[in-house]
């Protein structure tokens, strides 16, 4: 039985055994971005472009842009709010 490994940045991520019961998500998406593409997405979002506009310009699916924005928000690389989540104290 194989094991799925993740790039974790030092955070604990469980290793999930590969079997027929696990459900993989986003396997039909391209989640790798070309050099500079995330910077362009962040700049466009911060300049109030819509996900649809960014997706069209970058020739990507809208869900891929949304996932990129979630990644950028987590890394605090966008200034325009994506969603409001209260910080833990």
N, C-alpha and C. Protein backbone atom coordinates (compact mmCIF):
# COMPACT_ATOMS: atom_id res chain seq x y z
N UNK A 1 0.85 -1.17 0.00
CA UNK A 1 0.00 0.00 0.00
C UNK A 1 0.90 1.24 0.00
N UNK A 2 0.65 2.18 -0.92
CA UNK A 2 1.43 3.40 -1.01
C UNK A 2 0.97 4.45 -0.02
N UNK A 3 1.70 5.54 0.03
CA UNK A 3 1.38 6.64 0.94
C UNK A 3 1.45 7.94 0.15
N UNK A 4 0.50 8.84 0.39
CA UNK A 4 0.51 10.15 -0.22
C UNK A 4 1.33 11.06 0.67
N UNK A 5 2.33 11.75 0.10
CA UNK A 5 3.15 12.68 0.86
C UNK A 5 2.86 14.09 0.38
N UNK A 6 2.90 15.06 1.29
CA UNK A 6 2.60 16.43 0.98
C UNK A 6 3.78 17.33 1.33
N UNK A 7 3.96 18.41 0.55
CA UNK A 7 4.90 19.46 0.92
C UNK A 7 4.21 20.28 2.01
N UNK A 8 4.82 20.39 3.18
CA UNK A 8 4.08 20.90 4.33
C UNK A 8 4.60 22.19 4.96
N UNK A 9 5.73 22.70 4.57
CA UNK A 9 6.31 23.89 5.20
C UNK A 9 6.48 23.72 6.70
N UNK A 10 6.78 22.50 7.14
CA UNK A 10 7.01 22.25 8.54
C UNK A 10 5.76 21.98 9.36
N UNK A 11 4.58 22.13 8.77
CA UNK A 11 3.33 21.85 9.49
C UNK A 11 3.03 20.36 9.39
N UNK A 12 2.40 19.83 10.42
CA UNK A 12 2.03 18.41 10.41
C UNK A 12 0.87 18.18 9.46
N UNK A 13 1.05 17.30 8.53
CA UNK A 13 -0.02 16.86 7.64
C UNK A 13 -0.05 15.35 7.71
N UNK A 14 -1.21 14.78 7.97
CA UNK A 14 -1.27 13.32 8.07
C UNK A 14 -0.95 12.66 6.74
N UNK A 15 -0.33 11.49 6.82
CA UNK A 15 -0.07 10.71 5.63
C UNK A 15 -1.26 9.79 5.42
N UNK A 16 -1.82 9.84 4.26
CA UNK A 16 -3.05 9.12 3.98
C UNK A 16 -2.73 7.87 3.16
N UNK A 17 -3.10 6.71 3.65
CA UNK A 17 -2.84 5.49 2.86
C UNK A 17 -3.66 5.51 1.58
N UNK A 18 -3.03 5.05 0.49
CA UNK A 18 -3.74 4.95 -0.78
C UNK A 18 -4.61 3.71 -0.77
N UNK A 19 -5.90 3.91 -0.94
CA UNK A 19 -6.81 2.77 -1.09
C UNK A 19 -8.04 3.24 -1.85
N UNK A 20 -8.90 2.34 -2.18
CA UNK A 20 -10.07 2.67 -2.97
C UNK A 20 -11.12 3.49 -2.25
N UNK A 21 -11.00 3.64 -0.93
CA UNK A 21 -12.01 4.36 -0.16
C UNK A 21 -11.74 5.86 -0.09
N UNK A 22 -10.52 6.29 -0.34
CA UNK A 22 -10.18 7.71 -0.25
C UNK A 22 -10.70 8.44 -1.48
N UNK A 23 -11.14 9.68 -1.26
CA UNK A 23 -11.62 10.49 -2.37
C UNK A 23 -10.63 11.63 -2.61
N UNK A 24 -10.07 11.68 -3.79
CA UNK A 24 -9.17 12.75 -4.17
C UNK A 24 -9.97 13.85 -4.83
N UNK A 25 -9.65 15.10 -4.48
CA UNK A 25 -10.36 16.23 -5.07
C UNK A 25 -9.40 17.06 -5.91
N UNK A 26 -9.92 17.77 -6.84
CA UNK A 26 -9.17 18.67 -7.72
C UNK A 26 -8.17 17.94 -8.61
N UNK A 27 -8.33 16.63 -8.79
CA UNK A 27 -7.36 15.90 -9.61
C UNK A 27 -7.45 16.29 -11.07
N UNK A 28 -8.54 16.92 -11.49
CA UNK A 28 -8.67 17.34 -12.88
C UNK A 28 -8.23 18.79 -13.10
N UNK A 29 -7.68 19.42 -12.06
CA UNK A 29 -7.23 20.82 -12.17
C UNK A 29 -5.72 20.89 -12.31
N UNK A 30 -5.25 21.98 -12.89
CA UNK A 30 -3.81 22.26 -12.97
C UNK A 30 -3.50 23.20 -11.81
N UNK A 31 -2.80 22.68 -10.81
CA UNK A 31 -2.51 23.47 -9.61
C UNK A 31 -1.07 23.95 -9.56
N UNK A 32 -0.38 23.88 -10.68
CA UNK A 32 0.98 24.42 -10.78
C UNK A 32 0.88 25.72 -11.57
N UNK A 33 1.57 26.73 -11.08
CA UNK A 33 1.52 28.04 -11.72
C UNK A 33 2.89 28.41 -12.27
N UNK A 34 2.89 29.04 -13.44
CA UNK A 34 4.13 29.46 -14.08
C UNK A 34 4.79 30.59 -13.28
N UNK A 35 6.11 30.76 -13.44
CA UNK A 35 6.78 31.86 -12.74
C UNK A 35 6.10 33.20 -13.05
N UNK A 36 5.81 33.95 -12.02
CA UNK A 36 5.18 35.26 -12.16
C UNK A 36 3.67 35.22 -12.23
N UNK A 37 3.08 34.06 -12.46
CA UNK A 37 1.64 33.99 -12.61
C UNK A 37 0.91 34.31 -11.31
N UNK A 38 1.38 33.80 -10.18
CA UNK A 38 0.75 34.12 -8.90
C UNK A 38 0.88 35.61 -8.58
N UNK A 39 2.01 36.21 -8.94
CA UNK A 39 2.19 37.65 -8.73
C UNK A 39 1.17 38.44 -9.55
N UNK A 40 0.94 38.02 -10.82
CA UNK A 40 -0.04 38.69 -11.68
C UNK A 40 -1.45 38.52 -11.13
N UNK A 41 -1.75 37.33 -10.63
CA UNK A 41 -3.07 37.08 -10.06
C UNK A 41 -3.28 37.96 -8.82
N UNK A 42 -2.29 38.04 -7.95
CA UNK A 42 -2.39 38.89 -6.75
C UNK A 42 -2.58 40.35 -7.14
N UNK A 43 -1.79 40.83 -8.08
CA UNK A 43 -1.88 42.22 -8.52
C UNK A 43 -3.26 42.51 -9.10
N UNK A 44 -3.75 41.62 -9.94
CA UNK A 44 -5.07 41.82 -10.55
C UNK A 44 -6.16 41.83 -9.48
N UNK A 45 -6.09 40.89 -8.53
CA UNK A 45 -7.10 40.83 -7.47
C UNK A 45 -7.06 42.10 -6.63
N UNK A 46 -5.85 42.54 -6.26
CA UNK A 46 -5.71 43.75 -5.45
C UNK A 46 -6.18 44.99 -6.19
N UNK A 47 -6.22 44.93 -7.52
CA UNK A 47 -6.72 46.04 -8.34
C UNK A 47 -8.18 45.84 -8.73
N UNK A 48 -8.89 45.02 -7.97
CA UNK A 48 -10.34 44.85 -8.05
C UNK A 48 -10.82 44.18 -9.35
N UNK A 49 -9.96 43.39 -9.98
CA UNK A 49 -10.44 42.57 -11.09
C UNK A 49 -11.20 41.38 -10.52
N UNK A 50 -12.13 40.85 -11.29
CA UNK A 50 -12.92 39.71 -10.84
C UNK A 50 -12.18 38.40 -11.13
N UNK A 51 -12.63 37.35 -10.48
CA UNK A 51 -12.07 36.03 -10.75
C UNK A 51 -12.24 35.69 -12.22
N UNK A 52 -13.41 36.03 -12.78
CA UNK A 52 -13.68 35.74 -14.19
C UNK A 52 -12.69 36.47 -15.10
N UNK A 53 -12.44 37.74 -14.82
CA UNK A 53 -11.50 38.52 -15.63
C UNK A 53 -10.09 37.95 -15.54
N UNK A 54 -9.67 37.60 -14.34
CA UNK A 54 -8.33 37.05 -14.15
C UNK A 54 -8.21 35.71 -14.86
N UNK A 55 -9.22 34.86 -14.73
CA UNK A 55 -9.19 33.55 -15.37
C UNK A 55 -9.08 33.68 -16.88
N UNK A 56 -9.81 34.61 -17.46
CA UNK A 56 -9.75 34.81 -18.91
C UNK A 56 -8.37 35.28 -19.34
N UNK A 57 -7.81 36.25 -18.62
CA UNK A 57 -6.50 36.77 -18.99
C UNK A 57 -5.40 35.72 -18.82
N UNK A 58 -5.49 34.93 -17.74
CA UNK A 58 -4.45 33.93 -17.46
C UNK A 58 -4.70 32.61 -18.19
N UNK A 59 -5.85 32.51 -18.88
CA UNK A 59 -6.24 31.29 -19.59
C UNK A 59 -6.26 30.08 -18.65
N UNK A 60 -6.93 30.30 -17.51
CA UNK A 60 -7.08 29.26 -16.48
C UNK A 60 -8.55 29.14 -16.13
N UNK A 61 -8.92 28.03 -15.52
CA UNK A 61 -10.29 27.86 -15.04
C UNK A 61 -10.51 28.75 -13.82
N UNK A 62 -11.74 29.21 -13.64
CA UNK A 62 -12.05 30.09 -12.52
C UNK A 62 -11.73 29.44 -11.18
N UNK A 63 -11.99 28.16 -11.04
CA UNK A 63 -11.72 27.48 -9.76
C UNK A 63 -10.22 27.46 -9.47
N UNK A 64 -9.38 27.38 -10.51
CA UNK A 64 -7.92 27.42 -10.31
C UNK A 64 -7.50 28.80 -9.80
N UNK A 65 -8.14 29.85 -10.31
CA UNK A 65 -7.85 31.21 -9.83
C UNK A 65 -8.31 31.35 -8.38
N UNK A 66 -9.49 30.83 -8.07
CA UNK A 66 -9.97 30.90 -6.69
C UNK A 66 -9.03 30.17 -5.74
N UNK A 67 -8.57 29.00 -6.12
CA UNK A 67 -7.63 28.25 -5.27
C UNK A 67 -6.31 29.01 -5.14
N UNK A 68 -5.87 29.66 -6.21
CA UNK A 68 -4.65 30.48 -6.13
C UNK A 68 -4.85 31.64 -5.16
N UNK A 69 -6.02 32.26 -5.19
CA UNK A 69 -6.31 33.37 -4.29
C UNK A 69 -6.37 32.90 -2.84
N UNK A 70 -6.91 31.72 -2.59
CA UNK A 70 -6.91 31.17 -1.23
C UNK A 70 -5.47 30.98 -0.77
N UNK A 71 -4.63 30.44 -1.64
CA UNK A 71 -3.21 30.25 -1.32
C UNK A 71 -2.54 31.61 -1.02
N UNK A 72 -2.80 32.60 -1.88
CA UNK A 72 -2.20 33.92 -1.70
C UNK A 72 -2.69 34.59 -0.42
N UNK A 73 -3.97 34.41 -0.09
CA UNK A 73 -4.51 34.98 1.15
C UNK A 73 -3.86 34.33 2.35
N UNK A 74 -3.68 33.02 2.30
CA UNK A 74 -3.03 32.31 3.40
C UNK A 74 -1.60 32.79 3.61
N UNK A 75 -0.93 33.15 2.52
CA UNK A 75 0.45 33.65 2.59
C UNK A 75 0.50 35.16 2.81
N UNK A 76 -0.70 35.77 3.00
CA UNK A 76 -0.82 37.23 3.20
C UNK A 76 -0.18 38.01 2.06
N UNK A 77 -0.41 37.55 0.83
CA UNK A 77 0.15 38.21 -0.35
C UNK A 77 -0.89 38.97 -1.15
N UNK A 78 -2.12 39.05 -0.63
CA UNK A 78 -3.13 39.91 -1.24
C UNK A 78 -3.65 40.84 -0.16
N UNK A 79 -4.04 42.05 -0.59
CA UNK A 79 -4.54 43.04 0.36
C UNK A 79 -6.05 43.20 0.28
N UNK A 80 -6.63 42.92 -0.87
CA UNK A 80 -8.09 42.96 -1.01
C UNK A 80 -8.66 41.72 -0.33
N UNK A 81 -9.67 41.88 0.50
CA UNK A 81 -10.23 40.72 1.19
C UNK A 81 -10.78 39.68 0.21
N UNK A 82 -10.51 38.44 0.50
CA UNK A 82 -11.10 37.34 -0.25
C UNK A 82 -12.32 36.84 0.50
N UNK A 83 -12.17 36.72 1.80
CA UNK A 83 -13.25 36.34 2.71
C UNK A 83 -12.81 36.78 4.10
N UNK A 84 -13.77 37.02 4.95
CA UNK A 84 -13.42 37.44 6.30
C UNK A 84 -13.40 36.22 7.21
N UNK A 85 -12.26 35.97 7.78
CA UNK A 85 -12.11 34.91 8.78
C UNK A 85 -11.42 35.54 9.98
N UNK A 86 -12.12 35.60 11.13
CA UNK A 86 -11.50 36.23 12.31
C UNK A 86 -10.22 35.50 12.71
N UNK A 87 -9.21 36.28 13.07
CA UNK A 87 -7.95 35.69 13.54
C UNK A 87 -8.15 35.12 14.93
N UNK A 88 -7.49 34.01 15.19
CA UNK A 88 -7.54 33.43 16.53
C UNK A 88 -6.68 34.24 17.48
N UNK A 89 -7.12 34.34 18.70
CA UNK A 89 -6.36 35.12 19.71
C UNK A 89 -5.42 34.18 20.43
